[in-house]
Amino acid sequence: MVSFHSLEDRLVKTAFANASGREAGVSRHDPRGLIARAPARFTLVHKNAERPTDAEAHRNPRARSARLRTIECLERAA
């Protein structure tokens, strides 16, 4: 997914982290920590966002703020 603003990127980053099973855990004193989590359905292709190169930003100034984040599906829907 391509995002162009920091707020969009934060939403995409959070959604992708949750989908790949990287959400923050609960406190060790919270009983919800005993509930098993569902296995992750996606994996992050790149840990960080991909940014345009200097040459690409020079050719296309609008690309300067673009961030590309990708995830890959681990299982096929039935």
PDB file of N, CA and C in Angstrom:
ATOM      1  N   MET A   1       0.842  -1.150   0.000  1.00  0.00           N
ATOM      2  CA  MET A   1       0.000   0.000   0.000  1.00  0.00           C
ATOM      3  C   MET A   1       0.898   1.228   0.000  1.00  0.00           C
ATOM      4  N   VAL A   2       0.526   2.206  -0.761  1.00  0.00           N
ATOM      5  CA  VAL A   2       1.277   3.449  -0.834  1.00  0.00           C
ATOM      6  C   VAL A   2       0.562   4.498  -0.004  1.00  0.00           C
ATOM      7  N   SER A   3       1.295   5.162   0.876  1.00  0.00           N
ATOM      8  CA  SER A   3       0.737   6.266   1.648  1.00  0.00           C
ATOM      9  C   SER A   3       1.567   7.517   1.371  1.00  0.00           C
ATOM     10  N   PHE A   4       0.929   8.666   1.490  1.00  0.00           N
ATOM     11  CA  PHE A   4       1.582   9.916   1.155  1.00  0.00           C
ATOM     12  C   PHE A   4       1.723  10.871   2.333  1.00  0.00           C
ATOM     13  N   HIS A   5       1.044  10.622   3.434  1.00  0.00           N
ATOM     14  CA  HIS A   5       1.107  11.500   4.603  1.00  0.00           C
ATOM     15  C   HIS A   5       1.439  10.660   5.829  1.00  0.00           C
ATOM     16  N   SER A   6       2.016  11.298   6.837  1.00  0.00           N
ATOM     17  CA  SER A   6       2.442  10.561   8.020  1.00  0.00           C
ATOM     18  C   SER A   6       1.262   9.920   8.748  1.00  0.00           C
ATOM     19  N   LEU A   7       0.107  10.579   8.767  1.00  0.00           N
ATOM     20  CA  LEU A   7      -1.046   9.976   9.438  1.00  0.00           C
ATOM     21  C   LEU A   7      -1.534   8.737   8.692  1.00  0.00           C
ATOM     22  N   GLU A   8      -1.545   8.802   7.371  1.00  0.00           N
ATOM     23  CA  GLU A   8      -1.908   7.621   6.576  1.00  0.00           C
ATOM     24  C   GLU A   8      -0.908   6.505   6.828  1.00  0.00           C
ATOM     25  N   ASP A   9       0.361   6.851   6.846  1.00  0.00           N
ATOM     26  CA  ASP A   9       1.400   5.843   7.023  1.00  0.00           C
ATOM     27  C   ASP A   9       1.287   5.183   8.390  1.00  0.00           C
ATOM     28  N   ARG A  10       0.943   5.938   9.417  1.00  0.00           N
ATOM     29  CA  ARG A  10       0.787   5.368  10.754  1.00  0.00           C
ATOM     30  C   ARG A  10      -0.352   4.350  10.774  1.00  0.00           C
ATOM     31  N   LEU A  11      -1.474   4.669  10.110  1.00  0.00           N
ATOM     32  CA  LEU A  11      -2.598   3.738  10.043  1.00  0.00           C
ATOM     33  C   LEU A  11      -2.213   2.457   9.317  1.00  0.00           C
ATOM     34  N   VAL A  12      -1.517   2.596   8.194  1.00  0.00           N
ATOM     35  CA  VAL A  12      -1.094   1.431   7.410  1.00  0.00           C
ATOM     36  C   VAL A  12      -0.090   0.602   8.209  1.00  0.00           C
ATOM     37  N   LYS A  13       0.856   1.265   8.848  1.00  0.00           N
ATOM     38  CA  LYS A  13       1.874   0.563   9.637  1.00  0.00           C
ATOM     39  C   LYS A  13       1.235  -0.230  10.776  1.00  0.00           C
ATOM     40  N   THR A  14       0.291   0.379  11.469  1.00  0.00           N
ATOM     41  CA  THR A  14      -0.390  -0.300  12.573  1.00  0.00           C
ATOM     42  C   THR A  14      -1.228  -1.472  12.078  1.00  0.00           C
ATOM     43  N   ALA A  15      -1.968  -1.257  11.003  1.00  0.00           N
ATOM     44  CA  ALA A  15      -2.805  -2.330  10.458  1.00  0.00           C
ATOM     45  C   ALA A  15      -1.952  -3.508   9.987  1.00  0.00           C
ATOM     46  N   PHE A  16      -0.856  -3.236   9.306  1.00  0.00           N
ATOM     47  CA  PHE A  16       0.017  -4.301   8.822  1.00  0.00           C
ATOM     48  C   PHE A  16       0.689  -5.032   9.987  1.00  0.00           C
ATOM     49  N   ALA A  17       1.079  -4.308  11.032  1.00  0.00           N
ATOM     50  CA  ALA A  17       1.701  -4.942  12.196  1.00  0.00           C
ATOM     51  C   ALA A  17       0.710  -5.870  12.888  1.00  0.00           C
ATOM     52  N   ASN A  18      -0.531  -5.420  13.030  1.00  0.00           N
ATOM     53  CA  ASN A  18      -1.553  -6.268  13.660  1.00  0.00           C
ATOM     54  C   ASN A  18      -1.849  -7.501  12.812  1.00  0.00           C
ATOM     55  N   ALA A  19      -1.925  -7.337  11.489  1.00  0.00           N
ATOM     56  CA  ALA A  19      -2.221  -8.462  10.596  1.00  0.00           C
ATOM     57  C   ALA A  19      -1.092  -9.494  10.593  1.00  0.00           C
ATOM     58  N   SER A  20       0.129  -9.040  10.849  1.00  0.00           N
ATOM     59  CA  SER A  20       1.260  -9.961  10.829  1.00  0.00           C
ATOM     60  C   SER A  20       1.611 -10.497  12.219  1.00  0.00           C
ATOM     61  N   GLY A  21       0.758 -10.203  13.217  1.00  0.00           N
ATOM     62  CA  GLY A  21       0.982 -10.743  14.554  1.00  0.00           C
ATOM     63  C   GLY A  21       2.025 -10.012  15.354  1.00  0.00           C
ATOM     64  N   ARG A  22       2.315  -8.776  15.018  1.00  0.00           N
ATOM     65  CA  ARG A  22       3.333  -8.014  15.744  1.00  0.00           C
ATOM     66  C   ARG A  22       2.744  -6.974  16.693  1.00  0.00           C
ATOM     67  N   GLU A  23       1.474  -7.143  17.084  1.00  0.00           N
ATOM     68  CA  GLU A  23       0.900  -6.162  18.003  1.00  0.00           C
ATOM     69  C   GLU A  23       1.518  -6.326  19.385  1.00  0.00           C
ATOM     70  N   ALA A  24       1.445  -5.270  20.166  1.00  0.00           N
ATOM     71  CA  ALA A  24       2.034  -5.281  21.497  1.00  0.00           C
ATOM     72  C   ALA A  24       1.261  -6.235  22.399  1.00  0.00           C
ATOM     73  N   GLY A  25       1.958  -6.899  23.267  1.00  0.00           N
ATOM     74  CA  GLY A  25       1.317  -7.813  24.205  1.00  0.00           C
ATOM     75  C   GLY A  25       0.709  -7.067  25.380  1.00  0.00           C
ATOM     76  N   VAL A  26      -0.151  -7.733  26.106  1.00  0.00           N
ATOM     77  CA  VAL A  26      -0.770  -7.139  27.287  1.00  0.00           C
ATOM     78  C   VAL A  26       0.150  -7.321  28.485  1.00  0.00           C
ATOM     79  N   SER A  27      -0.179  -6.649  29.559  1.00  0.00           N
ATOM     80  CA  SER A  27       0.599  -6.743  30.789  1.00  0.00           C
ATOM     81  C   SER A  27       0.615  -8.181  31.297  1.00  0.00           C
ATOM     82  N   ARG A  28       1.674  -8.568  31.945  1.00  0.00           N
ATOM     83  CA  ARG A  28       1.752  -9.935  32.478  1.00  0.00           C
ATOM     84  C   ARG A  28       0.781 -10.134  33.639  1.00  0.00           C
ATOM     85  N   HIS A  29       0.231  -9.043  34.172  1.00  0.00           N
ATOM     86  CA  HIS A  29      -0.736  -9.128  35.261  1.00  0.00           C
ATOM     87  C   HIS A  29      -2.176  -9.157  34.748  1.00  0.00           C
ATOM     88  N   ASP A  30      -2.363  -8.996  33.461  1.00  0.00           N
ATOM     89  CA  ASP A  30      -3.697  -8.963  32.863  1.00  0.00           C
ATOM     90  C   ASP A  30      -4.091 -10.380  32.448  1.00  0.00           C
ATOM     91  N   PRO A  31      -5.244 -10.879  32.871  1.00  0.00           N
ATOM     92  CA  PRO A  31      -5.644 -12.244  32.509  1.00  0.00           C
ATOM     93  C   PRO A  31      -5.860 -12.452  31.017  1.00  0.00           C
ATOM     94  N   ARG A  32      -6.073 -11.375  30.262  1.00  0.00           N
ATOM     95  CA  ARG A  32      -6.229 -11.532  28.810  1.00  0.00           C
ATOM     96  C   ARG A  32      -4.955 -12.057  28.157  1.00  0.00           C
ATOM     97  N   GLY A  33      -3.827 -11.964  28.849  1.00  0.00           N
ATOM     98  CA  GLY A  33      -2.571 -12.481  28.330  1.00  0.00           C
ATOM     99  C   GLY A  33      -2.543 -14.001  28.263  1.00  0.00           C
ATOM    100  N   LEU A  34      -3.463 -14.663  28.958  1.00  0.00           N
ATOM    101  CA  LEU A  34      -3.524 -16.120  28.950  1.00  0.00           C
ATOM    102  C   LEU A  34      -4.278 -16.667  27.746  1.00  0.00           C
ATOM    103  N   ILE A  35      -5.029 -15.812  27.074  1.00  0.00           N
ATOM    104  CA  ILE A  35      -5.800 -16.236  25.900  1.00  0.00           C
ATOM    105  C   ILE A  35      -4.854 -16.354  24.712  1.00  0.00           C
ATOM    106  N   ALA A  36      -4.895 -17.470  24.043  1.00  0.00           N
ATOM    107  CA  ALA A  36      -4.022 -17.690  22.884  1.00  0.00           C
ATOM    108  C   ALA A  36      -4.450 -16.790  21.725  1.00  0.00           C
ATOM    109  N   ARG A  37      -3.489 -16.225  21.055  1.00  0.00           N
ATOM    110  CA  ARG A  37      -3.760 -15.384  19.889  1.00  0.00           C
ATOM    111  C   ARG A  37      -3.951 -16.258  18.649  1.00  0.00           C
ATOM    112  N   ALA A  38      -4.722 -15.722  17.732  1.00  0.00           N
ATOM    113  CA  ALA A  38      -4.888 -16.407  16.451  1.00  0.00           C
ATOM    114  C   ALA A  38      -3.569 -16.325  15.674  1.00  0.00           C
ATOM    115  N   PRO A  39      -3.240 -17.346  14.904  1.00  0.00           N
ATOM    116  CA  PRO A  39      -1.997 -17.282  14.129  1.00  0.00           C
ATOM    117  C   PRO A  39      -2.056 -16.170  13.087  1.00  0.00           C
ATOM    118  N   ALA A  40      -0.921 -15.609  12.788  1.00  0.00           N
ATOM    119  CA  ALA A  40      -0.843 -14.516  11.817  1.00  0.00           C
ATOM    120  C   ALA A  40      -1.192 -15.019  10.421  1.00  0.00           C
ATOM    121  N   ARG A  41      -1.948 -14.230   9.683  1.00  0.00           N
ATOM    122  CA  ARG A  41      -2.324 -14.598   8.322  1.00  0.00           C
ATOM    123  C   ARG A  41      -1.416 -13.937   7.294  1.00  0.00           C
ATOM    124  N   PHE A  42      -0.629 -12.969   7.725  1.00  0.00           N
ATOM    125  CA  PHE A  42       0.232 -12.222   6.812  1.00  0.00           C
ATOM    126  C   PHE A  42       1.626 -12.122   7.403  1.00  0.00           C
ATOM    127  N   THR A  43       2.579 -11.815   6.557  1.00  0.00           N
ATOM    128  CA  THR A  43       3.939 -11.536   6.997  1.00  0.00           C
ATOM    129  C   THR A  43       4.408 -10.253   6.318  1.00  0.00           C
ATOM    130  N   LEU A  44       5.226  -9.501   7.019  1.00  0.00           N
ATOM    131  CA  LEU A  44       5.760  -8.267   6.443  1.00  0.00           C
ATOM    132  C   LEU A  44       6.843  -8.622   5.426  1.00  0.00           C
ATOM    133  N   VAL A  45       6.769  -8.038   4.240  1.00  0.00           N
ATOM    134  CA  VAL A  45       7.790  -8.291   3.219  1.00  0.00           C
ATOM    135  C   VAL A  45       9.045  -7.490   3.555  1.00  0.00           C
ATOM    136  N   HIS A  46       8.860  -6.230   3.939  1.00  0.00           N
ATOM    137  CA  HIS A  46       9.967  -5.366   4.370  1.00  0.00           C
ATOM    138  C   HIS A  46       9.609  -4.811   5.737  1.00  0.00           C
ATOM    139  N   LYS A  47      10.548  -4.787   6.653  1.00  0.00           N
ATOM    140  CA  LYS A  47      10.264  -4.281   7.987  1.00  0.00           C
ATOM    141  C   LYS A  47       9.977  -2.784   7.956  1.00  0.00           C
ATOM    142  N   ASN A  48      10.712  -2.059   7.147  1.00  0.00           N
ATOM    143  CA  ASN A  48      10.537  -0.607   7.043  1.00  0.00           C
ATOM    144  C   ASN A  48       9.874  -0.252   5.720  1.00  0.00           C
ATOM    145  N   ALA A  49       9.370   0.963   5.655  1.00  0.00           N
ATOM    146  CA  ALA A  49       8.730   1.445   4.429  1.00  0.00           C
ATOM    147  C   ALA A  49       9.788   1.712   3.363  1.00  0.00           C
ATOM    148  N   GLU A  50       9.439   1.407   2.137  1.00  0.00           N
ATOM    149  CA  GLU A  50      10.317   1.709   1.012  1.00  0.00           C
ATOM    150  C   GLU A  50      10.073   3.153   0.590  1.00  0.00           C
ATOM    151  N   ARG A  51      11.137   3.878   0.321  1.00  0.00           N
ATOM    152  CA  ARG A  51      11.024   5.274  -0.087  1.00  0.00           C
ATOM    153  C   ARG A  51      11.585   5.429  -1.493  1.00  0.00           C
ATOM    154  N   PRO A  52      11.147   6.469  -2.214  1.00  0.00           N
ATOM    155  CA  PRO A  52      11.666   6.659  -3.569  1.00  0.00           C
ATOM    156  C   PRO A  52      13.148   7.052  -3.539  1.00  0.00           C
ATOM    157  N   THR A  53      13.854   6.680  -4.581  1.00  0.00           N
ATOM    158  CA  THR A  53      15.262   7.048  -4.682  1.00  0.00           C
ATOM    159  C   THR A  53      15.374   8.532  -5.000  1.00  0.00           C
ATOM    160  N   ASP A  54      16.565   9.071  -4.856  1.00  0.00           N
ATOM    161  CA  ASP A  54      16.779  10.490  -5.178  1.00  0.00           C
ATOM    162  C   ASP A  54      16.510  10.764  -6.650  1.00  0.00           C
ATOM    163  N   ALA A  55      16.889   9.822  -7.508  1.00  0.00           N
ATOM    164  CA  ALA A  55      16.667  10.010  -8.942  1.00  0.00           C
ATOM    165  C   ALA A  55      15.181  10.038  -9.263  1.00  0.00           C
ATOM    166  N   GLU A  56      14.420   9.147  -8.629  1.00  0.00           N
ATOM    167  CA  GLU A  56      12.985   9.123  -8.877  1.00  0.00           C
ATOM    168  C   GLU A  56      12.311  10.384  -8.354  1.00  0.00           C
ATOM    169  N   ALA A  57      12.733  10.857  -7.185  1.00  0.00           N
ATOM    170  CA  ALA A  57      12.164  12.087  -6.630  1.00  0.00           C
ATOM    171  C   ALA A  57      12.515  13.293  -7.495  1.00  0.00           C
ATOM    172  N   HIS A  58      13.690  13.255  -8.118  1.00  0.00           N
ATOM    173  CA  HIS A  58      14.086  14.348  -9.012  1.00  0.00           C
ATOM    174  C   HIS A  58      13.230  14.338 -10.287  1.00  0.00           C
ATOM    175  N   ARG A  59      12.967  13.139 -10.839  1.00  0.00           N
ATOM    176  CA  ARG A  59      12.120  13.023 -12.035  1.00  0.00           C
ATOM    177  C   ARG A  59      10.663  13.344 -11.723  1.00  0.00           C
ATOM    178  N   ASN A  60      10.190  12.927 -10.544  1.00  0.00           N
ATOM    179  CA  ASN A  60       8.795  13.113 -10.169  1.00  0.00           C
ATOM    180  C   ASN A  60       8.741  13.686  -8.751  1.00  0.00           C
ATOM    181  N   PRO A  61       8.678  15.001  -8.616  1.00  0.00           N
ATOM    182  CA  PRO A  61       8.701  15.621  -7.279  1.00  0.00           C
ATOM    183  C   PRO A  61       7.559  15.180  -6.370  1.00  0.00           C
ATOM    184  N   ARG A  62       6.430  14.771  -6.928  1.00  0.00           N
ATOM    185  CA  ARG A  62       5.307  14.324  -6.098  1.00  0.00           C
ATOM    186  C   ARG A  62       5.618  13.018  -5.364  1.00  0.00           C
ATOM    187  N   ALA A  63       6.586  12.273  -5.828  1.00  0.00           N
ATOM    188  CA  ALA A  63       6.927  10.985  -5.222  1.00  0.00           C
ATOM    189  C   ALA A  63       7.737  11.136  -3.937  1.00  0.00           C
ATOM    190  N   ARG A  64       8.181  12.349  -3.625  1.00  0.00           N
ATOM    191  CA  ARG A  64       9.039  12.544  -2.450  1.00  0.00           C
ATOM    192  C   ARG A  64       8.417  12.031  -1.167  1.00  0.00           C
ATOM    193  N   SER A  65       7.113  12.235  -0.999  1.00  0.00           N
ATOM    194  CA  SER A  65       6.472  11.872   0.266  1.00  0.00           C
ATOM    195  C   SER A  65       5.886  10.457   0.267  1.00  0.00           C
ATOM    196  N   ALA A  66       6.025   9.729  -0.808  1.00  0.00           N
ATOM    197  CA  ALA A  66       5.418   8.394  -0.902  1.00  0.00           C
ATOM    198  C   ALA A  66       6.179   7.381  -0.045  1.00  0.00           C
ATOM    199  N   ARG A  67       5.412   6.492   0.595  1.00  0.00           N
ATOM    200  CA  ARG A  67       5.964   5.385   1.374  1.00  0.00           C
ATOM    201  C   ARG A  67       5.250   4.112   0.937  1.00  0.00           C
ATOM    202  N   LEU A  68       6.010   3.075   0.643  1.00  0.00           N
ATOM    203  CA  LEU A  68       5.441   1.809   0.207  1.00  0.00           C
ATOM    204  C   LEU A  68       5.663   0.764   1.291  1.00  0.00           C
ATOM    205  N   ARG A  69       4.571   0.160   1.752  1.00  0.00           N
ATOM    206  CA  ARG A  69       4.634  -0.927   2.729  1.00  0.00           C
ATOM    207  C   ARG A  69       3.940  -2.129   2.107  1.00  0.00           C
ATOM    208  N   THR A  70       4.510  -3.313   2.286  1.00  0.00           N
ATOM    209  CA  THR A  70       3.942  -4.514   1.671  1.00  0.00           C
ATOM    210  C   THR A  70       3.854  -5.649   2.685  1.00  0.00           C
ATOM    211  N   ILE A  71       2.785  -6.446   2.544  1.00  0.00           N
ATOM    212  CA  ILE A  71       2.624  -7.664   3.314  1.00  0.00           C
ATOM    213  C   ILE A  71       2.297  -8.792   2.359  1.00  0.00           C
ATOM    214  N   GLU A  72       2.552 -10.012   2.799  1.00  0.00           N
ATOM    215  CA  GLU A  72       2.300 -11.184   1.963  1.00  0.00           C
ATOM    216  C   GLU A  72       1.371 -12.123   2.728  1.00  0.00           C
ATOM    217  N   CYS A  73       0.384 -12.643   2.030  1.00  0.00           N
ATOM    218  CA  CYS A  73      -0.586 -13.560   2.627  1.00  0.00           C
ATOM    219  C   CYS A  73       0.073 -14.928   2.810  1.00  0.00           C
ATOM    220  N   LEU A  74      -0.101 -15.513   4.001  1.00  0.00           N
ATOM    221  CA  LEU A  74       0.512 -16.815   4.295  1.00  0.00           C
ATOM    222  C   LEU A  74      -0.382 -17.977   3.928  1.00  0.00           C
ATOM    223  N   GLU A  75      -1.676 -17.771   3.941  1.00  0.00           N
ATOM    224  CA  GLU A  75      -2.604 -18.865   3.659  1.00  0.00           C
ATOM    225  C   GLU A  75      -3.608 -18.427   2.613  1.00  0.00           C
ATOM    226  N   ARG A  76      -4.116 -19.378   1.908  1.00  0.00           N
ATOM    227  CA  ARG A  76      -5.123 -19.111   0.889  1.00  0.00           C
ATOM    228  C   ARG A  76      -6.498 -19.189   1.488  1.00  0.00           C
ATOM    229  N   ALA A  77      -7.364 -18.263   1.107  1.00  0.00           N
ATOM    230  CA  ALA A  77      -8.740 -18.299   1.597  1.00  0.00           C
ATOM    231  C   ALA A  77      -9.460 -19.501   0.986  1.00  0.00           C
ATOM    232  N   ALA A  78     -10.263 -20.154   1.772  1.00  0.00           N
ATOM    233  CA  ALA A  78     -10.979 -21.345   1.281  1.00  0.00           C
ATOM    234  C   ALA A  78     -12.205 -20.981   0.494  1.00  0.00           C
TER     235      ALA A  78
END
